[in-house]
Protein backbone atom coordinates (compact mmCIF):
# COMPACT_ATOMS: atom_id res chain seq x y z
CA MET A 1 202.39 153.34 -188.16
CA ILE A 2 202.30 151.54 -191.52
CA ASN A 3 199.51 149.02 -191.90
CA ASN A 4 201.22 146.40 -194.04
CA ARG A 5 198.49 143.78 -194.02
CA HIS A 6 197.58 144.59 -197.62
CA ILE A 7 201.08 145.35 -198.87
CA PRO A 8 202.62 142.37 -200.72
CA ALA A 9 205.80 140.85 -199.32
CA VAL A 10 208.95 140.41 -201.38
CA PRO A 11 207.96 137.73 -203.92
CA GLY A 12 209.63 134.38 -204.25
CA TRP A 13 210.98 132.65 -207.33
CA LYS A 14 208.70 131.88 -210.22
CA LYS A 15 209.92 130.37 -213.46
CA PRO A 16 210.96 133.24 -215.76
CA LYS A 17 209.48 133.58 -219.23
CA THR A 18 212.04 133.06 -222.01
CA LEU A 19 211.04 134.84 -225.21
CA ASP A 20 212.52 134.55 -228.70
CA LEU A 21 211.55 137.57 -230.79
CA ASN A 22 212.05 135.54 -233.97
CA ARG A 23 208.71 133.97 -232.96
CA ASN A 24 205.69 136.23 -233.47
CA GLU A 25 203.85 134.73 -230.50
CA ASP A 26 206.79 135.49 -228.18
CA ALA A 27 207.01 139.05 -229.47
CA GLN A 28 203.28 139.45 -228.75
CA VAL A 29 203.77 138.13 -225.19
CA LEU A 30 206.46 140.75 -224.56
CA ASP A 31 204.31 143.52 -226.04
CA LYS A 32 201.41 142.46 -223.82
CA LEU A 33 203.56 142.43 -220.66
CA ILE A 34 204.70 145.97 -221.44
CA ALA A 35 201.17 147.17 -222.27
CA GLN A 36 199.87 145.75 -218.97
CA GLY A 37 202.50 147.64 -216.99
CA LYS A 38 204.18 144.43 -215.88
CA VAL A 39 207.62 145.56 -217.09
CA ARG A 40 209.38 148.22 -215.04
CA PHE A 41 212.94 147.78 -216.21
CA VAL A 42 214.65 146.55 -219.38
CA SER A 43 218.32 145.58 -219.59
CA ASP A 44 219.69 145.19 -223.11
CA LYS A 45 223.49 144.90 -223.15
CA VAL A 46 223.94 142.42 -226.00
CA HIS A 47 226.01 144.88 -228.03
CA SER A 48 228.61 144.85 -225.24
CA ALA A 49 228.32 141.06 -225.05
CA ILE A 50 229.01 140.74 -228.79
CA GLU A 51 232.01 143.03 -228.45
CA GLU A 52 233.31 140.73 -225.69
CA LEU A 53 232.76 137.70 -227.96
CA TYR A 54 234.72 139.48 -230.68
CA HIS A 55 237.65 140.01 -228.30
CA ILE A 56 237.48 136.36 -227.21
CA GLU A 57 237.97 135.40 -230.85
CA ASN A 58 240.41 138.25 -231.57
CA PRO A 59 242.44 138.74 -228.39
CA SER A 60 245.15 140.75 -230.16
CA GLN A 61 242.62 143.59 -230.60
CA ILE A 62 241.76 143.90 -226.92
CA ASP A 63 243.48 147.31 -226.65
CA GLN A 64 242.73 148.60 -230.16
CA LEU A 65 239.49 147.54 -231.81
CA ASP A 66 239.43 147.18 -235.59
CA GLN A 67 236.11 148.99 -236.01
CA ALA A 68 235.50 147.93 -239.59
CA ALA A 69 236.15 144.27 -238.76
CA PHE A 70 233.91 144.50 -235.72
CA ASP A 71 231.08 146.15 -237.68
CA SER A 72 231.26 143.28 -240.17
CA TYR A 73 231.28 140.76 -237.30
CA LEU A 74 228.26 142.47 -235.75
CA GLN A 75 226.15 141.82 -238.85
CA GLY A 76 226.34 138.08 -238.16
CA PHE A 77 224.13 138.44 -235.09
CA GLY A 78 220.37 138.44 -235.52
CA GLY A 79 220.73 139.17 -239.23
CA GLY A 80 221.66 142.73 -238.33
CA ASP A 81 218.66 143.08 -235.98
CA LEU A 82 220.10 142.56 -232.53
CA SER A 83 216.65 142.29 -230.98
CA LYS A 84 216.35 138.92 -232.75
CA TYR A 85 219.66 137.68 -231.33
CA GLY A 86 219.45 135.48 -228.24
CA VAL A 87 216.45 135.59 -225.91
CA TRP A 88 214.58 138.06 -223.75
CA VAL A 89 213.90 136.82 -220.22
CA TYR A 90 211.08 138.20 -218.09
CA TYR A 91 211.59 137.97 -214.31
CA PRO A 92 208.17 138.24 -212.60
CA TRP A 93 209.58 138.88 -209.11
CA ASN A 94 211.20 142.20 -210.09
CA LEU A 95 209.24 143.00 -213.28
CA THR A 96 212.46 143.13 -215.30
CA VAL A 97 213.22 142.01 -218.83
CA VAL A 98 216.83 141.11 -219.66
CA HIS A 99 218.19 140.51 -223.16
CA PHE A 100 220.54 137.49 -223.04
CA PRO A 101 222.88 136.04 -225.65
CA PRO A 102 222.05 132.46 -226.72
CA GLN A 103 222.99 129.67 -224.33
CA GLU A 104 226.36 128.75 -225.82
CA ASP A 105 227.43 132.38 -226.26
CA LEU A 106 226.46 133.10 -222.65
CA SER A 107 228.49 130.11 -221.52
CA ARG A 108 231.51 131.34 -223.48
CA LEU A 109 231.17 134.83 -222.01
CA ARG A 110 230.77 133.60 -218.45
CA GLY A 111 233.74 131.26 -218.82
CA SER A 112 236.06 133.49 -220.80
CA ARG A 113 238.03 134.86 -217.84
CA ASN A 114 238.40 131.34 -216.43
CA ARG A 115 240.54 130.26 -219.38
CA ASN A 116 242.97 128.52 -219.36
CA LEU A 117 242.59 127.62 -215.72
CA ILE A 118 239.46 125.98 -217.10
CA SER A 119 239.84 125.19 -220.80
CA ASP A 120 237.00 125.42 -223.30
CA ASN A 121 236.74 121.63 -223.39
CA GLU A 122 236.66 121.48 -219.59
CA ARG A 123 234.00 124.19 -219.56
CA GLN A 124 231.79 121.97 -221.68
CA VAL A 125 232.43 118.94 -219.47
CA LEU A 126 231.62 120.86 -216.30
CA LYS A 127 228.40 122.23 -217.74
CA ASP A 128 226.81 119.75 -220.12
CA GLY A 129 224.36 117.38 -218.50
CA LYS A 130 225.79 117.76 -214.99
CA THR A 131 223.35 117.61 -212.08
CA ILE A 132 224.33 118.83 -208.64
CA VAL A 133 222.13 118.34 -205.59
CA VAL A 134 222.58 120.77 -202.71
CA PHE A 135 221.02 119.72 -199.41
CA GLY A 136 220.82 122.78 -197.14
CA LEU A 137 221.08 126.34 -198.44
CA SER A 138 222.83 128.26 -195.69
CA VAL A 139 226.41 127.10 -196.22
CA GLY A 140 225.04 125.40 -199.34
CA SER A 141 224.13 128.76 -200.87
CA ASN A 142 227.82 129.68 -200.78
CA ALA A 143 228.61 126.45 -202.63
CA VAL A 144 226.07 127.37 -205.31
CA ASP A 145 227.63 130.84 -205.62
CA SER A 146 231.11 129.37 -206.18
CA LEU A 147 229.87 126.65 -208.55
CA LEU A 148 227.97 129.16 -210.66
CA MET A 149 230.94 131.51 -211.02
CA GLN A 150 232.97 128.65 -212.47
CA GLY A 151 230.20 127.51 -214.81
CA ILE A 152 229.74 124.17 -213.07
CA GLY A 153 226.45 122.34 -213.55
CA SER A 154 223.53 122.55 -215.99
CA ARG A 155 220.92 121.43 -213.44
CA TYR A 156 220.65 122.20 -209.73
CA VAL A 157 218.40 120.35 -207.32
CA LEU A 158 217.91 122.71 -204.38
CA VAL A 159 216.73 121.22 -201.10
CA ASP A 160 215.81 123.22 -197.99
CA MET A 161 212.73 123.65 -195.83
CA ASP A 162 213.43 127.03 -194.23
CA GLN A 163 212.86 130.69 -194.90
CA LEU A 164 215.62 133.26 -194.56
CA ASP A 165 215.89 134.52 -190.98
CA PRO A 166 217.74 137.64 -189.84
CA THR A 167 220.30 135.45 -188.07
CA ASN A 168 221.14 133.74 -191.39
CA LEU A 169 222.49 136.99 -192.80
CA ASN A 170 225.93 136.38 -191.33
CA ARG A 171 226.58 133.60 -193.86
CA ILE A 172 224.05 133.94 -196.71
CA ARG A 173 224.50 136.67 -199.31
CA ALA A 174 221.13 138.43 -199.16
CA ALA A 175 219.62 141.79 -198.32
CA TYR A 176 217.49 142.34 -195.24
CA ASP A 177 214.37 142.83 -197.33
CA GLN A 178 214.69 139.14 -198.31
CA VAL A 179 214.02 138.02 -194.73
CA GLY A 180 211.01 135.70 -194.84
CA VAL A 181 211.71 134.57 -198.40
CA HIS A 182 212.22 130.83 -198.73
CA LYS A 183 215.90 129.94 -199.01
CA VAL A 184 215.20 127.88 -202.12
CA ASP A 185 213.57 130.93 -203.75
CA LEU A 186 216.49 133.12 -202.72
CA VAL A 187 219.09 130.85 -204.34
CA ALA A 188 216.84 130.10 -207.32
CA LYS A 189 216.57 133.81 -208.14
CA LYS A 190 220.36 134.15 -208.19
CA ILE A 191 220.69 131.22 -210.56
CA SER A 192 217.98 132.44 -212.93
CA GLU A 193 219.29 136.00 -212.98
CA LEU A 194 222.81 134.88 -213.78
CA ASP A 195 222.00 132.08 -216.24
CA PRO A 196 218.36 131.45 -217.19
CA PHE A 197 219.35 128.35 -219.17
CA ILE A 198 220.24 126.40 -216.03
CA GLU A 199 217.52 123.92 -215.09
CA GLN A 200 216.28 123.98 -211.52
CA VAL A 201 214.41 121.47 -209.37
CA HIS A 202 213.12 122.59 -205.99
CA TYR A 203 212.33 120.65 -202.80
CA LYS A 204 210.96 123.32 -200.49
CA GLN A 205 209.81 120.83 -197.85
CA GLY A 206 213.36 119.66 -197.23
CA VAL A 207 214.34 116.03 -197.60
CA ASP A 208 213.02 112.80 -196.10
CA GLU A 209 213.54 109.19 -197.09
CA ALA A 210 210.91 109.28 -199.84
CA SER A 211 212.11 112.52 -201.45
CA LEU A 212 215.74 111.38 -201.17
CA ASP A 213 214.98 108.24 -203.15
CA GLU A 214 213.07 110.31 -205.71
CA ILE A 215 215.95 112.76 -206.14
CA LEU A 216 218.53 110.02 -206.63
CA THR A 217 216.37 107.92 -208.95
CA LYS A 218 214.71 110.62 -211.04
CA TYR A 219 217.57 113.08 -211.46
CA GLN A 220 220.62 110.77 -211.28
CA PRO A 221 222.92 113.42 -209.79
CA ASP A 222 226.63 113.59 -210.45
CA ILE A 223 227.46 115.10 -207.04
CA LEU A 224 225.67 115.44 -203.71
CA ILE A 225 226.56 118.37 -201.45
CA ASP A 226 225.38 117.82 -197.89
CA GLU A 227 224.94 120.93 -195.74
CA ILE A 228 221.86 119.98 -193.72
CA ASP A 229 221.63 119.88 -189.93
CA SER A 230 219.85 116.55 -189.56
CA LEU A 231 222.39 113.90 -188.55
CA ARG A 232 219.86 111.20 -189.40
CA MET A 233 219.50 112.43 -192.99
CA LYS A 234 223.27 112.82 -193.31
CA ILE A 235 223.60 109.11 -192.65
CA LEU A 236 220.73 108.14 -194.95
CA ILE A 237 222.09 110.32 -197.77
CA ARG A 238 225.39 108.47 -197.59
CA LEU A 239 223.84 105.02 -197.37
CA ARG A 240 221.86 105.72 -200.55
CA ALA A 241 224.80 107.42 -202.26
CA LYS A 242 227.00 104.43 -201.53
CA GLU A 243 224.42 102.09 -203.08
CA GLN A 244 224.26 104.23 -206.23
CA LYS A 245 227.96 105.15 -206.35
CA ILE A 246 227.49 108.92 -206.13
CA PRO A 247 230.21 111.10 -204.56
CA VAL A 248 229.24 113.13 -201.49
CA LEU A 249 230.88 116.39 -200.38
CA MET A 250 230.41 118.14 -197.06
CA ALA A 251 232.04 121.19 -195.49
CA THR A 252 231.73 121.56 -191.71
CA ASP A 253 232.47 125.00 -190.30
CA ASP A 254 234.94 125.00 -187.43
CA GLY A 255 235.19 128.54 -186.13
CA ASP A 256 237.12 130.39 -188.82
CA ASP A 257 238.26 127.11 -190.38
CA ILE A 258 236.41 124.36 -192.21
CA LEU A 259 236.69 120.60 -192.50
CA LEU A 260 236.04 119.27 -195.99
CA ASP A 261 234.82 115.69 -196.33
CA VAL A 262 235.22 114.02 -199.73
CA GLU A 263 233.54 110.65 -200.01
CA ARG A 264 234.19 108.98 -203.38
CA TYR A 265 231.52 106.31 -203.37
CA ASP A 266 231.79 106.44 -207.16
CA LEU A 267 235.34 105.08 -206.94
CA ASP A 268 235.81 103.26 -203.65
CA ASP A 269 233.97 100.90 -201.36
CA VAL A 270 234.56 103.12 -198.33
CA PRO A 271 232.56 103.23 -195.08
CA ILE A 272 230.18 106.14 -194.73
CA LEU A 273 231.71 109.23 -193.17
CA HIS A 274 235.12 107.51 -193.40
CA GLY A 275 234.12 105.21 -190.53
CA ILE A 276 234.37 108.02 -187.98
CA LEU A 277 231.00 107.19 -186.42
CA PRO A 278 230.82 103.99 -184.33
CA GLN A 279 227.90 101.74 -185.26
CA ASP A 280 226.20 102.32 -181.91
CA VAL A 281 226.24 106.09 -182.55
CA ILE A 282 224.84 105.54 -186.06
CA ASP A 283 222.07 103.38 -184.62
CA GLU A 284 221.28 106.01 -181.97
CA ILE A 285 221.09 108.76 -184.60
CA LEU A 286 218.86 106.73 -186.92
CA GLN A 287 216.47 105.94 -184.07
CA ASN A 288 216.44 109.42 -182.47
CA LYS A 289 214.50 111.72 -184.80
CA GLN A 290 214.21 114.53 -182.23
CA MET A 291 217.85 115.06 -181.24
CA ASP A 292 218.32 118.55 -179.79
CA ARG A 293 220.98 120.99 -180.95
CA ARG A 294 223.26 120.47 -177.98
CA GLN A 295 223.31 116.71 -178.59
CA MET A 296 223.93 117.34 -182.28
CA GLY A 297 226.68 119.84 -181.54
CA ALA A 298 228.45 117.41 -179.22
CA ILE A 299 228.35 114.62 -181.82
CA ILE A 300 229.49 116.95 -184.62
CA GLY A 301 232.32 118.31 -182.48
CA HIS A 302 233.45 114.90 -181.19
CA TYR A 303 233.12 112.76 -184.32
CA PHE A 304 232.61 114.89 -187.42
CA VAL A 305 235.31 117.45 -186.70
CA ASN A 306 237.33 115.85 -183.85
CA LEU A 307 237.51 118.09 -180.83
CA GLU A 308 241.28 118.30 -181.12
CA ASN A 309 240.72 120.29 -184.33
CA VAL A 310 238.09 122.59 -182.81
CA PRO A 311 239.22 126.09 -181.67
CA LEU A 312 238.87 126.94 -177.98
CA ARG A 313 236.14 129.54 -178.54
CA MET A 314 234.10 127.04 -180.55
CA ILE A 315 234.31 124.44 -177.77
CA GLU A 316 233.30 127.07 -175.22
CA SER A 317 230.39 127.98 -177.46
CA LEU A 318 229.22 124.37 -177.77
CA LEU A 319 229.03 124.25 -173.98
CA GLU A 320 226.68 127.26 -174.05
CA VAL A 321 224.21 125.89 -176.61
CA GLY A 322 220.80 125.77 -174.94
CA LYS A 323 222.04 128.06 -172.17
CA SER A 324 223.29 131.46 -173.33
CA LEU A 325 223.29 130.47 -177.03
CA PRO A 326 220.31 129.15 -179.02
CA SER A 327 222.58 127.28 -181.44
CA TRP A 328 226.22 126.78 -182.31
CA PRO A 329 227.94 129.76 -183.97
CA GLN A 330 228.74 129.81 -187.67
CA LEU A 331 230.92 132.51 -189.23
CA GLY A 332 230.43 134.00 -192.67
CA GLY A 333 234.10 133.59 -193.51
CA ALA A 334 233.89 129.85 -192.90
CA ALA A 335 230.75 129.67 -195.05
CA VAL A 336 232.55 131.39 -197.93
CA LEU A 337 235.55 129.11 -197.45
CA SER A 338 233.22 126.10 -197.48
CA GLY A 339 231.71 127.22 -200.77
CA LEU A 340 235.16 127.64 -202.31
CA TYR A 341 236.37 124.16 -201.37
CA LEU A 342 233.09 122.44 -202.22
CA ALA A 343 233.26 123.97 -205.70
CA TYR A 344 236.93 123.02 -206.09
CA ALA A 345 236.26 119.40 -205.14
CA SER A 346 233.22 119.29 -207.45
CA LYS A 347 235.32 120.56 -210.33
CA LYS A 348 238.03 117.95 -209.77
CA ILE A 349 235.50 115.12 -209.57
CA LEU A 350 233.55 116.17 -212.68
CA LEU A 351 236.73 116.57 -214.72
CA GLY A 352 237.99 113.14 -213.67
CA GLN A 353 241.05 114.65 -212.00
CA ASP A 354 242.75 113.18 -208.96
CA ILE A 355 240.94 113.80 -205.71
CA ASN A 356 240.59 110.99 -203.23
CA SER A 357 238.25 110.32 -200.35
CA GLY A 358 239.46 112.03 -197.23
CA ARG A 359 239.06 114.68 -194.57
CA PHE A 360 240.82 117.99 -195.03
CA LEU A 361 241.08 120.71 -192.36
CA MET A 362 241.69 124.12 -193.89
CA GLY A 363 241.57 127.73 -192.83
CA PRO A 364 243.47 130.63 -191.30
CA GLU A 365 243.62 129.50 -187.67
CA ALA A 366 246.83 127.42 -187.82
CA GLN A 367 248.64 129.94 -190.03
CA LEU A 368 247.58 133.21 -188.44
CA ASN A 369 246.82 132.58 -184.76
CA PRO A 370 250.03 132.07 -182.75
CA ALA A 371 248.06 131.64 -179.51
CA ILE A 372 247.07 128.07 -180.36
CA GLN A 373 250.65 126.93 -179.80
CA THR A 374 250.88 128.28 -176.25
CA ASP A 375 250.57 126.07 -173.16
CA ASP A 376 247.88 128.33 -171.72
CA TYR A 377 245.68 127.86 -174.79
CA LYS A 378 246.23 124.11 -174.86
CA ASN A 379 245.45 123.72 -171.16
CA LYS A 380 242.25 125.77 -171.39
CA LYS A 381 241.19 123.78 -174.43
CA ALA A 382 241.79 120.45 -172.67
CA GLU A 383 239.64 121.63 -169.75
CA GLN A 384 236.76 122.63 -172.04
CA ILE A 385 236.95 119.38 -174.02
CA LYS A 386 236.68 117.46 -170.74
CA LYS A 387 233.59 119.43 -169.76
CA LEU A 388 231.98 118.86 -173.13
CA THR A 389 232.65 115.13 -173.32
CA GLN A 390 231.65 114.45 -169.71
CA GLY A 391 228.63 116.74 -169.71
């Protein structure tokens, strides 16, 4: 049997070193890391990146490269010494050095295949100076994935208190060897490995009233994405967001479907959560800091989603929380769908395009499951709703 007491676990995130070889001191740092055996792998693909930049500027040559013109173009990078072009980034958690193009060139490369669905001007708007706060990094990690792929945001504030558990692997893109790594570290690594120029702020203790006020005051976010379990903090996030006129987005999984909440506190004087929670329920939630998962599930099902929109199997599952189930089920497909719609709504808001406050139920159930229209399904569902609301 392996004695792993002295074997290090998979490391978490640590701020990467960004090195510019035009600076002698940075070149010396890289040489020292290599000499000390702290570099196992080097990835240098900037020649391919420059070729892609050339095609972005010369799309008519995509199928037949003008080699002489490209060779001349290549001389404009790093003064002919490509090692001096861009930056070299050292990732301490995997002992890897990656040669990146400069920030603007990387942004152009990452956004090239988005054009003209996202124009160059829109790319700049979505990226420059935009801060996105993500509360909760299970479903929230899928939102970050979708936001990153579209080049949205230059600073992410990541908020979660938990480590990755094996049961999270149905909705978080991670390998099993990452179990035990803090969810913030897991998402932070993805961000840094894709785009080391993105600024990150981490709250690995989760969020409470004090840290919420600090986040909103210090970082002045453009969008808040709420994917935490605490109903109390959901309410407090919205009360503060309404005061400071910050839009809040939330995707609630509903079996295979999702319900997207868009709350445009930046535009409208709307009640929190669209007024779906009666004041007595709000008061109960704010006073009850130890609400169990079955109570939470019943409130989420009844008010946040509306039980009429909840699939039969989900209602049956809510009845089993604390009995045969430790928590309510959450499907990976719904998590991916949540990330997609959260990113879409973020894009519309940041670009100043039309998207109003509202609640939007989306997913495959209505389109692909004919059973939901049958009397048998409807009768069974009515029986289970009665049990849930009376129990």
